[in-house]
Every structure is written in C-alpha cells, then in structure tokens.
Protein backbone atom coordinates (compact mmCIF):
# COMPACT_ATOMS: atom_id res chain seq x y z
CA UNK A 1 16.58 139.56 -21.93
CA UNK A 2 18.73 138.94 -25.02
CA UNK A 3 18.03 140.81 -28.24
CA UNK A 4 16.98 137.57 -29.95
CA UNK A 5 14.49 136.81 -27.18
CA UNK A 6 13.15 140.35 -27.26
CA UNK A 7 12.62 140.30 -31.04
CA UNK A 8 11.06 136.86 -30.80
CA UNK A 9 8.60 138.11 -28.15
CA UNK A 10 7.93 141.20 -30.24
CA UNK A 11 7.14 139.07 -33.32
CA UNK A 12 4.85 136.84 -31.28
CA UNK A 13 3.01 139.92 -29.99
CA UNK A 14 2.72 141.45 -33.45
CA UNK A 15 1.52 138.23 -35.05
CA UNK A 16 -0.96 137.33 -32.29
CA UNK A 17 -4.45 136.83 -33.78
CA UNK A 18 -3.10 137.72 -37.23
CA UNK A 19 -3.53 134.28 -38.85
CA UNK A 20 -1.71 133.12 -41.98
CA UNK A 21 -0.07 136.51 -42.51
CA UNK A 22 2.85 136.20 -40.10
CA UNK A 23 5.57 135.75 -42.72
CA UNK A 24 4.33 138.88 -44.56
CA UNK A 25 4.45 140.90 -41.36
CA UNK A 26 7.97 139.64 -40.63
CA UNK A 27 9.20 140.70 -44.08
CA UNK A 28 7.61 144.13 -43.60
CA UNK A 29 9.33 144.45 -40.23
CA UNK A 30 12.75 143.53 -41.66
CA UNK A 31 12.35 146.05 -44.48
CA UNK A 32 11.26 148.79 -42.07
CA UNK A 33 14.17 148.21 -39.69
CA UNK A 34 16.49 148.68 -42.68
CA UNK A 35 14.64 151.80 -43.89
CA UNK A 36 13.84 150.01 -47.13
CA UNK A 37 10.92 150.45 -49.51
CA UNK A 38 8.30 147.75 -49.94
CA UNK A 39 5.13 147.42 -51.99
CA UNK A 40 2.27 145.85 -50.05
CA UNK A 41 -0.19 144.31 -52.47
CA UNK A 42 -3.56 142.70 -51.78
CA UNK A 43 -7.21 142.86 -52.69
CA UNK A 44 -9.56 145.03 -50.65
CA UNK A 45 -10.14 143.32 -47.30
CA UNK A 46 -7.02 141.11 -47.47
CA UNK A 47 -5.52 142.70 -44.33
CA UNK A 48 -3.14 145.37 -45.66
CA UNK A 49 -4.26 148.07 -43.22
CA UNK A 50 -4.27 145.52 -40.41
CA UNK A 51 -0.66 144.61 -41.20
CA UNK A 52 0.41 148.25 -41.30
CA UNK A 53 -1.20 148.96 -37.90
CA UNK A 54 0.63 145.99 -36.41
CA UNK A 55 3.90 147.08 -38.01
CA UNK A 56 3.64 150.63 -36.68
CA UNK A 57 2.97 149.24 -33.20
CA UNK A 58 6.47 147.74 -33.15
CA UNK A 59 8.11 151.18 -32.86
CA UNK A 60 8.06 153.78 -30.09
CA UNK A 61 6.53 157.17 -30.89
CA UNK A 62 6.73 156.46 -34.61
CA UNK A 63 6.70 159.60 -36.74
CA UNK A 64 4.39 158.68 -39.63
CA UNK A 65 3.80 160.67 -42.80
CA UNK A 66 0.66 159.37 -44.51
CA UNK A 67 0.08 160.36 -48.11
CA UNK A 68 -3.14 159.87 -50.04
CA UNK A 69 -4.05 160.09 -53.72
CA UNK A 70 -5.45 163.60 -53.45
CA UNK A 71 -3.14 166.45 -54.28
CA UNK A 72 -0.87 166.71 -51.27
CA UNK A 73 2.46 168.45 -50.97
CA UNK A 74 5.42 166.52 -49.60
CA UNK A 75 7.08 168.18 -46.57
CA UNK A 76 10.48 169.75 -47.18
CA UNK A 77 12.40 167.48 -44.80
CA UNK A 78 11.35 163.85 -45.12
CA UNK A 79 13.93 162.77 -42.56
CA UNK A 80 11.72 164.27 -39.87
CA UNK A 81 9.63 161.11 -40.32
CA UNK A 82 10.39 157.48 -39.53
CA UNK A 83 7.95 155.98 -42.02
CA UNK A 84 6.25 157.37 -45.14
CA UNK A 85 3.07 155.56 -46.11
CA UNK A 86 1.29 155.90 -49.43
CA UNK A 87 -2.08 154.37 -48.58
CA UNK A 88 -4.20 153.04 -51.49
CA UNK A 89 -1.39 153.93 -53.88
CA UNK A 90 -2.62 154.50 -57.44
CA UNK A 91 -0.34 156.34 -59.87
CA UNK A 92 -3.19 157.79 -61.92
CA UNK A 93 -1.92 161.37 -61.83
CA UNK A 94 1.42 163.11 -62.16
CA UNK A 95 1.20 164.55 -58.66
CA UNK A 96 1.09 161.10 -57.01
CA UNK A 97 3.90 159.80 -59.20
CA UNK A 98 6.05 162.86 -58.48
CA UNK A 99 5.45 162.53 -54.74
CA UNK A 100 6.56 158.89 -54.74
CA UNK A 101 9.63 159.56 -56.86
CA UNK A 102 10.64 162.50 -54.68
CA UNK A 103 10.13 160.44 -51.54
CA UNK A 104 12.32 157.69 -52.96
CA UNK A 105 15.08 160.15 -53.79
CA UNK A 106 14.98 162.57 -50.85
CA UNK A 107 14.67 160.22 -47.86
CA UNK A 108 17.82 158.86 -46.21
CA UNK A 109 16.83 157.17 -42.94
CA UNK A 110 13.12 156.73 -43.56
CA UNK A 111 11.20 153.59 -44.52
CA UNK A 112 8.73 153.89 -47.38
CA UNK A 113 5.55 151.79 -47.77
CA UNK A 114 3.32 151.67 -50.85
CA UNK A 115 0.03 149.92 -50.10
CA UNK A 116 -2.29 149.11 -52.99
CA UNK A 117 -4.79 146.73 -54.56
CA UNK A 118 -3.23 147.27 -57.99
CA UNK A 119 -0.92 144.53 -59.20
CA UNK A 120 2.72 145.49 -58.55
CA UNK A 121 3.85 145.19 -62.18
CA UNK A 122 1.06 147.54 -63.28
CA UNK A 123 1.40 150.14 -60.53
CA UNK A 124 5.20 150.22 -60.43
CA UNK A 125 5.38 150.22 -64.21
CA UNK A 126 3.06 153.21 -64.49
CA UNK A 127 4.97 155.11 -61.81
CA UNK A 128 8.35 154.00 -63.29
CA UNK A 129 9.63 152.95 -59.86
CA UNK A 130 10.00 149.16 -60.25
CA UNK A 131 13.78 149.33 -59.84
CA UNK A 132 13.49 151.30 -56.58
CA UNK A 133 11.30 148.82 -54.66
CA UNK A 134 13.24 146.41 -52.45
CA UNK A 135 10.44 143.96 -51.67
CA UNK A 136 6.97 143.18 -52.89
CA UNK A 137 4.79 141.63 -50.19
CA UNK A 138 1.69 139.80 -51.38
CA UNK A 139 -1.30 139.42 -49.07
CA UNK A 140 -3.26 136.17 -49.65
CA UNK A 141 -6.83 136.58 -50.90
CA UNK A 142 -8.38 134.13 -48.43
CA UNK A 143 -8.04 132.54 -45.02
CA UNK A 144 -8.37 128.85 -44.31
CA UNK A 145 -11.62 127.87 -42.58
CA UNK A 146 -9.81 127.27 -39.25
CA UNK A 147 -8.06 130.64 -39.39
CA UNK A 148 -11.28 132.40 -40.32
CA UNK A 149 -13.16 130.85 -37.40
CA UNK A 150 -10.37 131.79 -35.03
CA UNK A 151 -10.40 135.37 -36.29
CA UNK A 152 -14.18 135.66 -35.92
CA UNK A 153 -14.16 134.28 -32.37
CA UNK A 154 -11.26 136.50 -31.26
CA UNK A 155 -12.20 139.72 -33.02
CA UNK A 156 -12.24 141.77 -29.81
CA UNK A 157 -8.77 140.55 -28.84
CA UNK A 158 -7.52 141.44 -32.28
CA UNK A 159 -8.96 144.96 -32.20
CA UNK A 160 -7.69 145.64 -28.66
CA UNK A 161 -4.21 144.49 -29.58
CA UNK A 162 -1.25 146.20 -27.86
CA UNK A 163 2.49 145.56 -27.87
CA UNK A 164 4.16 145.65 -24.42
CA UNK A 165 6.07 148.91 -24.13
CA UNK A 166 9.35 147.21 -23.17
CA UNK A 167 9.37 145.32 -26.49
CA UNK A 168 8.86 148.30 -28.78
CA UNK A 169 11.81 149.78 -30.66
CA UNK A 170 13.06 153.32 -30.35
CA UNK A 171 14.63 155.25 -33.24
CA UNK A 172 17.91 155.36 -31.33
CA UNK A 173 17.93 151.58 -30.95
CA UNK A 174 17.17 151.08 -34.62
CA UNK A 175 20.03 153.37 -35.64
CA UNK A 176 22.42 151.51 -33.33
CA UNK A 177 21.30 148.14 -34.74
CA UNK A 178 21.86 149.31 -38.30
CA UNK A 179 25.49 150.04 -37.44
CA UNK A 180 25.85 146.56 -35.92
CA UNK A 181 24.13 144.92 -38.89
CA UNK A 182 26.76 146.39 -41.21
CA UNK A 183 29.38 144.33 -39.36
CA UNK A 184 27.63 141.01 -40.08
CA UNK A 185 29.52 139.17 -42.80
CA UNK A 186 27.91 137.27 -45.64
CA UNK A 187 28.90 133.60 -45.57
CA UNK A 188 30.22 131.78 -48.63
CA UNK A 189 26.91 129.89 -48.88
CA UNK A 190 24.85 133.09 -48.79
CA UNK A 191 27.09 134.69 -51.41
CA UNK A 192 26.83 131.59 -53.61
CA UNK A 193 23.01 131.59 -53.37
CA UNK A 194 22.85 135.28 -54.32
CA UNK A 195 25.37 134.71 -57.11
CA UNK A 196 23.40 131.83 -58.63
CA UNK A 197 20.17 133.80 -58.29
CA UNK A 198 21.82 136.65 -60.17
CA UNK A 199 22.87 134.25 -62.94
CA UNK A 200 19.29 132.92 -63.12
CA UNK A 201 17.95 136.47 -63.44
CA UNK A 202 20.40 137.27 -66.23
CA UNK A 203 19.51 134.06 -68.12
CA UNK A 204 15.78 134.88 -67.89
CA UNK A 205 16.05 138.62 -68.60
CA UNK A 206 14.96 139.56 -65.07
CA UNK A 207 16.50 142.94 -64.30
CA UNK A 208 17.56 143.40 -60.68
CA UNK A 209 19.54 146.59 -59.91
CA UNK A 210 22.74 146.31 -57.89
CA UNK A 211 21.14 148.58 -55.27
CA UNK A 212 18.39 146.01 -54.78
CA UNK A 213 20.91 143.16 -54.35
CA UNK A 214 22.66 145.29 -51.71
CA UNK A 215 19.36 145.87 -49.89
CA UNK A 216 18.41 142.19 -50.00
CA UNK A 217 21.85 141.24 -48.66
CA UNK A 218 21.30 143.68 -45.77
CA UNK A 219 18.02 141.96 -44.93
CA UNK A 220 19.88 138.63 -44.81
CA UNK A 221 22.42 140.27 -42.47
CA UNK A 222 19.54 141.58 -40.33
CA UNK A 223 18.07 138.10 -39.95
CA UNK A 224 21.47 136.79 -38.83
CA UNK A 225 21.88 139.74 -36.44
CA UNK A 226 18.54 139.17 -34.73
CA UNK A 227 19.47 135.50 -34.34
CA UNK A 228 22.68 136.48 -32.56
CA UNK A 229 25.06 135.54 -35.37
CA UNK A 230 27.97 137.56 -36.73
CA UNK A 231 27.82 135.71 -40.06
CA UNK A 232 24.87 134.69 -42.21
CA UNK A 233 23.89 131.10 -42.99
CA UNK A 234 21.95 129.63 -45.90
CA UNK A 235 18.73 129.92 -43.85
CA UNK A 236 19.06 133.71 -43.70
CA UNK A 237 18.67 133.82 -47.50
CA UNK A 238 15.55 131.63 -47.74
CA UNK A 239 13.26 134.67 -47.97
CA UNK A 240 14.75 135.23 -51.46
CA UNK A 241 12.78 132.22 -52.64
CA UNK A 242 9.42 133.85 -51.85
CA UNK A 243 7.35 136.11 -54.17
CA UNK A 244 9.14 139.37 -53.34
CA UNK A 245 10.30 140.17 -56.89
CA UNK A 246 7.45 142.31 -58.18
CA UNK A 247 6.47 140.72 -61.47
CA UNK A 248 4.59 137.43 -61.35
CA UNK A 249 6.79 135.99 -64.13
CA UNK A 250 9.91 136.85 -62.12
CA UNK A 251 8.42 135.29 -58.98
CA UNK A 252 7.51 132.11 -60.85
CA UNK A 253 10.96 131.71 -62.42
CA UNK A 254 12.81 132.27 -59.15
CA UNK A 255 10.43 130.20 -57.02
CA UNK A 256 10.67 127.25 -59.44
CA UNK A 257 14.46 127.23 -59.33
CA UNK A 258 15.24 128.45 -55.82
CA UNK A 259 15.38 125.12 -53.99
CA UNK A 260 17.65 123.73 -56.74
CA UNK A 261 19.98 126.68 -56.24
CA UNK A 262 20.13 126.27 -52.47
CA UNK A 263 20.59 122.50 -52.80
CA UNK A 264 23.42 122.93 -55.31
CA UNK A 265 25.20 125.32 -52.93
CA UNK A 266 24.78 123.06 -49.91
CA UNK A 267 25.88 119.95 -51.84
CA UNK A 268 28.62 121.57 -53.92
CA UNK A 269 31.25 119.09 -52.65
CA UNK A 270 29.05 116.16 -53.71
CA UNK A 271 27.86 117.62 -57.01
CA UNK A 272 29.77 115.24 -59.28
CA UNK A 273 28.77 112.04 -57.47
CA UNK A 274 25.14 113.09 -57.01
CA UNK A 275 24.70 114.24 -60.62
CA UNK A 276 25.09 110.66 -61.87
CA UNK A 277 24.27 108.25 -59.02
CA UNK A 278 26.11 104.93 -59.21
CA UNK A 279 24.11 102.16 -60.90
CA UNK A 280 24.31 99.54 -58.16
CA UNK A 281 21.46 97.46 -59.64
CA UNK A 282 23.34 96.81 -62.88
CA UNK A 283 26.48 95.80 -60.98
CA UNK A 284 24.45 93.46 -58.75
CA UNK A 285 22.79 91.71 -61.70
CA UNK A 286 26.12 91.43 -63.51
CA UNK A 287 27.79 89.77 -60.52
CA UNK A 288 24.79 87.52 -59.92
CA UNK A 289 24.82 86.51 -63.57
CA UNK A 290 28.55 85.76 -63.51
CA UNK A 291 28.20 83.55 -60.44
CA UNK A 292 25.16 81.68 -61.75
CA UNK A 293 26.19 81.21 -65.38
CA UNK A 294 28.29 78.42 -66.87
CA UNK A 295 31.73 78.71 -68.44
CA UNK A 296 30.43 77.86 -71.89
CA UNK A 297 31.80 79.69 -74.93
CA UNK A 298 28.96 80.99 -77.12
CA UNK A 299 29.00 82.23 -80.70
CA UNK A 300 28.76 86.02 -80.57
CA UNK A 301 29.42 89.08 -82.69
CA UNK A 302 30.47 92.58 -81.67
CA UNK A 303 27.48 94.95 -81.74
CA UNK A 304 26.95 98.33 -80.06
CA UNK A 305 30.38 98.02 -78.47
CA UNK A 306 29.75 94.68 -76.73
CA UNK A 307 29.57 90.95 -77.55
CA UNK A 308 26.03 90.01 -78.55
CA UNK A 309 24.09 86.90 -79.54
CA UNK A 310 22.43 87.29 -82.90
CA UNK A 311 18.86 86.12 -83.65
CA UNK A 312 16.48 86.58 -86.56
CA UNK A 313 12.73 86.47 -86.15
CA UNK A 314 9.95 86.86 -88.73
CA UNK A 315 7.15 89.24 -87.81
CA UNK A 316 4.28 89.99 -90.24
CA UNK A 317 6.16 88.29 -93.06
CA UNK A 318 9.45 90.18 -92.72
CA UNK A 319 12.68 89.20 -91.04
CA UNK A 320 13.94 91.34 -88.17
CA UNK A 321 17.42 90.89 -86.68
CA UNK A 322 17.81 91.11 -82.88
CA UNK A 323 21.02 91.45 -80.89
CA UNK A 324 21.16 90.21 -77.31
CA UNK A 325 24.06 91.31 -75.04
CA UNK A 326 26.01 88.25 -73.86
CA UNK A 327 25.81 89.24 -70.18
CA UNK A 328 22.06 88.44 -70.15
CA UNK A 329 22.62 84.76 -71.04
CA UNK A 330 21.64 82.26 -68.33
CA UNK A 331 20.09 85.05 -66.23
CA UNK A 332 16.43 85.23 -65.22
CA UNK A 333 15.55 88.88 -65.90
CA UNK A 334 13.40 90.47 -68.60
CA UNK A 335 15.19 92.80 -71.02
CA UNK A 336 14.82 94.45 -74.42
CA UNK A 337 17.33 93.52 -77.15
CA UNK A 338 18.94 95.83 -79.73
CA UNK A 339 17.48 96.16 -83.22
CA UNK A 340 19.41 96.68 -86.46
CA UNK A 341 19.38 100.46 -85.84
CA UNK A 342 21.47 99.90 -82.68
CA UNK A 343 18.51 101.04 -80.58
CA UNK A 344 16.63 99.34 -77.77
CA UNK A 345 13.76 97.42 -79.35
CA UNK A 346 10.89 98.22 -76.97
CA UNK A 347 8.39 95.99 -78.78
CA UNK A 348 10.40 92.82 -78.06
CA UNK A 349 11.03 91.35 -74.61
CA UNK A 350 13.50 88.55 -73.89
CA UNK A 351 14.39 86.27 -70.97
CA UNK A 352 16.77 83.31 -70.76
CA UNK A 353 15.14 81.97 -67.56
CA UNK A 354 18.53 80.74 -66.32
CA UNK A 355 19.24 78.69 -69.47
CA UNK A 356 21.00 79.23 -72.80
CA UNK A 357 17.70 79.38 -74.74
CA UNK A 358 16.12 82.79 -75.26
CA UNK A 359 12.36 83.17 -74.78
CA UNK A 360 11.05 85.99 -77.00
CA UNK A 361 7.76 87.86 -76.51
CA UNK A 362 6.30 90.37 -78.98
CA UNK A 363 4.11 93.41 -78.41
CA UNK A 364 0.68 92.32 -79.64
CA UNK A 365 0.17 95.71 -81.33
CA UNK A 366 2.99 95.07 -83.86
CA UNK A 367 2.45 91.38 -84.59
CA UNK A 368 0.30 92.25 -87.59
CA UNK A 369 2.38 95.15 -88.98
CA UNK A 370 5.98 94.18 -88.23
CA UNK A 371 8.81 95.82 -86.29
CA UNK A 372 10.00 97.97 -89.20
CA UNK A 373 6.66 99.64 -89.85
CA UNK A 374 6.67 103.41 -89.24
CA UNK A 375 3.73 103.08 -86.86
CA UNK A 376 5.64 100.62 -84.70
CA UNK A 377 8.74 102.85 -84.78
CA UNK A 378 6.72 105.85 -83.60
CA UNK A 379 4.91 103.97 -80.84
CA UNK A 380 7.21 103.95 -77.81
CA UNK A 381 4.60 102.61 -75.40
CA UNK A 382 4.27 98.84 -75.85
CA UNK A 383 1.04 97.20 -74.79
CA UNK A 384 0.49 93.55 -73.97
CA UNK A 385 3.35 91.13 -74.73
CA UNK A 386 2.60 87.68 -76.16
CA UNK A 387 4.91 84.65 -76.26
CA UNK A 388 6.45 84.38 -79.72
CA UNK A 389 9.38 81.94 -79.82
CA UNK A 390 12.15 80.20 -77.88
CA UNK A 391 15.45 80.26 -79.71
CA UNK A 392 18.57 78.24 -78.77
CA UNK A 393 22.09 79.60 -78.54
CA UNK A 394 24.94 77.95 -80.36
CA UNK A 395 27.62 76.70 -77.94
CA UNK A 396 31.12 76.69 -79.39
CA UNK A 397 32.73 74.96 -76.44
CA UNK A 398 31.48 73.81 -73.01
CA UNK A 399 33.30 74.74 -69.81
CA UNK A 400 35.93 76.74 -71.69
CA UNK A 401 38.96 77.60 -69.51
CA UNK A 402 39.41 80.98 -71.19
CA UNK A 403 35.80 81.88 -70.40
CA UNK A 404 36.32 80.80 -66.78
CA UNK A 405 39.47 82.91 -66.56
CA UNK A 406 37.73 85.92 -68.09
CA UNK A 407 34.73 85.53 -65.73
CA UNK A 408 37.02 85.39 -62.72
CA UNK A 409 38.78 88.56 -63.85
CA UNK A 410 35.40 90.28 -64.26
CA UNK A 411 34.31 89.09 -60.82
CA UNK A 412 37.51 90.41 -59.26
CA UNK A 413 37.05 93.79 -61.01
CA UNK A 414 33.39 93.99 -59.94
CA UNK A 415 34.31 93.21 -56.34
CA UNK A 416 36.94 95.91 -56.33
CA UNK A 417 34.43 98.38 -57.79
CA UNK A 418 31.74 97.37 -55.27
CA UNK A 419 34.14 97.84 -52.34
CA UNK A 420 35.32 101.24 -53.62
CA UNK A 421 31.75 102.40 -54.21
CA UNK A 422 30.66 101.10 -50.81
CA UNK A 423 33.29 103.31 -49.20
CA UNK A 424 32.34 106.31 -51.37
CA UNK A 425 28.59 105.96 -50.77
CA UNK A 426 29.27 105.63 -47.04
CA UNK A 427 31.14 108.94 -47.08
CA UNK A 428 28.27 110.58 -48.98
CA UNK A 429 25.75 109.24 -46.47
CA UNK A 430 27.76 110.57 -43.53
CA UNK A 431 28.08 113.98 -45.21
CA UNK A 432 24.34 114.15 -45.91
CA UNK A 433 23.49 113.02 -42.38
CA UNK A 434 25.79 115.62 -40.81
CA UNK A 435 24.45 118.36 -43.08
CA UNK A 436 20.84 117.49 -42.31
CA UNK A 437 21.51 117.41 -38.56
CA UNK A 438 23.47 120.67 -38.66
CA UNK A 439 20.63 122.40 -40.53
CA UNK A 440 17.95 121.33 -38.04
CA UNK A 441 19.01 124.00 -35.55
CA UNK A 442 17.99 126.76 -38.00
CA UNK A 443 14.37 125.64 -38.18
CA UNK A 444 13.58 127.48 -34.94
CA UNK A 445 15.33 130.68 -36.04
CA UNK A 446 13.63 134.03 -36.14
CA UNK A 447 12.35 134.95 -39.62
CA UNK A 448 13.24 131.59 -41.19
CA UNK A 449 10.97 130.72 -44.12
CA UNK A 450 9.65 127.37 -42.94
CA UNK A 451 8.14 126.39 -46.28
CA UNK A 452 11.45 126.66 -48.12
CA UNK A 453 13.41 125.24 -45.17
CA UNK A 454 11.24 122.12 -44.87
CA UNK A 455 11.26 121.61 -48.63
CA UNK A 456 15.06 121.67 -48.78
CA UNK A 457 15.43 119.41 -45.74
CA UNK A 458 12.91 117.04 -47.31
CA UNK A 459 14.94 116.89 -50.51
CA UNK A 460 18.11 116.20 -48.52
CA UNK A 461 16.26 113.33 -46.85
CA UNK A 462 15.19 111.98 -50.27
CA UNK A 463 18.76 112.10 -51.55
CA UNK A 464 19.92 110.30 -48.40
CA UNK A 465 17.35 107.56 -48.97
CA UNK A 466 18.45 107.19 -52.61
CA UNK A 467 22.11 106.87 -51.65
CA UNK A 468 21.19 104.50 -48.84
CA UNK A 469 19.41 102.32 -51.39
CA UNK A 470 22.57 102.27 -53.52
CA UNK A 471 24.65 101.31 -50.50
CA UNK A 472 22.20 98.52 -49.61
CA UNK A 473 22.44 97.09 -53.14
CA UNK A 474 26.22 97.22 -52.96
CA UNK A 475 26.05 95.33 -49.68
CA UNK A 476 23.90 92.68 -51.38
CA UNK A 477 26.49 92.47 -54.15
CA UNK A 478 29.33 91.87 -51.70
CA UNK A 479 27.21 89.27 -49.92
CA UNK A 480 27.10 87.31 -53.19
CA UNK A 481 30.88 86.99 -52.97
CA UNK A 482 30.65 85.80 -49.37
CA UNK A 483 28.03 83.20 -50.35
CA UNK A 484 30.29 81.81 -53.11
CA UNK A 485 33.51 81.92 -51.11
C-alpha cells in the first residue's frame, strides 16, 4: 500500500459518519502531523470534542496532556507528550494564560490544540497569543437536513467508530515524514500565491508573522508529500483561501480576494491580453459598415478625435448640438451621439437604418426640460425613447474615389487586424484549455479544498467562453470578406 493510499484510507475512516466537517478534520490532521498549534472554535454542540476524538484516533498510543481551566500545573517536560489539549479554553485567569504561553514556548515536537466556544479574536487577544496560532478552524453551527438525518440514523456506528490499526500513525513514522516533508520544494506558483497573499495582508494591515508563513508553507509541503509529489502545486495552497486566519475581518478580506490571486498566478502569461479583452464586436460592425456603405463624401467636422456629422435639435425651446461619428452612417444599429461636452448623450438615440438620414429619438423624461437641464444631466438612466426627428446628411460628392480608396485601406487594415487577433485568441484558447485539463487531475487529490478548486476551474471556464466568443466574432468578420470577395 502506498503512503498516499494509506492516508486516503485513513482520512476516509476518520471522516466516516462525520458529515460536513471533513475539511475541518483534514486541516486539524495536517496541523497535528506538523506539530503545529491550532485554535478549534465552535458553539457548544458543534462537534469540537467529536473532531478531537477522531483526530486522536489517527495516531498510535498517543500521549495526550489534557489541560482544563482549573488551576493545573504544567509538567516539566512537555516533549513527553505528543499532543497538548486545552479543552474549553477560556483565558479568564492568569494561570490559564501562563500555561498556554509556556506550552507554546517550551514544546518542540508536540502539537497544541486550543478548543473553545469563544470567538478566536477575543480569546487569543485576551491571552496575547494571536501571533502564535498557525490555524483557526471554525466548526459550522448547523448541519444540513440530509446530514442531520444521516447522523441520527447512524448514531451507533458513529459512537462505535474505530480506525484500523494498520492505518494509524506511530510517532516514529511521523518524525520520519517530517524529515521527508522538509525536502519538498515550493513551486513558483505556490510561492507566487503566498507572495501575493502577503502583499494583500500588508495592504489591509493584517499582521501575519514570518513564523506563521513558514508553518503554512510546511502544511502546503505536507499536502504535496501525502499526494506523492516532491514539489507543491497551486492546489496544495488552496487551504489558504479558507477561514484559517483568526479574525473575521482578516478571513473576509483574504477569502474575497483569494480566487483572484490564484487566477492571476495561473494566468500570469496571459495577464495583459486578458486584462483588456479585444473588442471584436466593434471591429465586426466597422467592417460590416464599410462593406455596406456607399463611397459618398459627407460634410463632417473633427470632434472628439474623429470625423463627425453635426446636427442641431431643439428640445424644450433650446438648441442642443449633437455630433454623430461618421462610421455610423448608413449602418442599421442604435447608438448614442456626443453632446457639446464631448460626452455620450444617453438621452438621445440615433439610427441611420442603412441610409444617410439620421433618425433621432429622445428620452421622454427630458422632452419637457431639455438636455442641458441639471436634472437631465444627473439622470443617467434613460426611460422610454420617443421618435423626435429624421435629419438628412449633406453629401459633398457622390461615389468619391478618395473615399473609396480610404475605405479600401481601412478594410485591408481591419482584415489584417482580424487575422492577427484570430491567431492570438486561438493561442489563448489553447493555453486555457491545456491549463484547465492539466488542473483536473488535482481535483481528486488528498486534502484539496474542493470549494476553492471548483470555483477557480469555473472561472477558467468562463474566461474560455469569453475568449471563444471573441474568436467566433472574428470568424464572422473574416467571413464578411469572403462574402464580398
């Protein structure tokens, strides 16, 4: 039996009839194997004692030191114990606080568990030990109805739970594993995730001691080790995006940004192209308009950095100038023109309907007050549009050869751009597909956080679909050229 198979069977045995708490038990196991300290928080009856019993069952002849809140002297040599447990931890007196601090300082190869129904930020703050706790493990308040029914029906099985002896871990094995875990290297992706998390913590005034980063990195190494790898992958760091950080504000900040961090690391080579996706729709409509429009030369003026047709309309007794970009002429799409402030005028909608005459519609809400009224300026949510006018465009010269020449040059440039973008988007699609497929193997890993994994894979799929939509529009654009060849 391989080590990975053994640990997998052990986890299945430990988690059997322990519904909706498996990921908490796995984190507790990883911390204990590394002799780390964790704070187990949950309301009375949430399953803290149940989890601890299961955890202890994973180890052979475990030497447990259990401390209570009553005055109790710590033994001289804490390394005679494998695990120190402070049950119902409540730092209400100096004796309890001193015991915990001494245990944190004096142990070397001993795991330390603080179990309590007091919120971590309150308890650890009172005891002044927040910087010494590697993980905070939250127990959910409730079970789903299905899990509750299963637990009630299988109560006897749960209470008579036993781990097969051949799966349990001896102290000698654990010590040997810790030496092997040290040899596991942190991959560039894992380092980048930790680095960006550290930057996020600094930006949001979340203090994380270097010792804690070292401990968390060791847990990532441990996950890789139990999966038979000599180097970590991004999936080994997904536990960092769970509420392990003690304070609820810290958990919220990290959880809200974690998938963005992982995604930015995984897509670092595509960052520039994905940050501003190519606007294939605009290119398509431009090419379609060029093919379907005439070669007429229209009277225009330069406005907002492009040739525009100029119109004046009278709304509520005042004149309002409108500027329509030339590339919309003879097209059949709705658009908003520019106003005299060089802004998009959202209360006016135009359409040439394939001709050189512009049909203008006005937001009914401003017909009585005008476009320059402060109320209309502040209202950015137009309501119902009503037909207002159809204005002609002055043609300077029909079928102008210079216009034809310029249009052909634009068509050639657009075709070149479409072909280049088609190639680029194809490369992006292949990269995303390969990344998604390569990641799938990690979903069945030991200790992988499925919630974060599925979320990240889902976002990769969404990005793929977006890029695929861009590529499809580019294909339509190139098909316009084929149709007019």
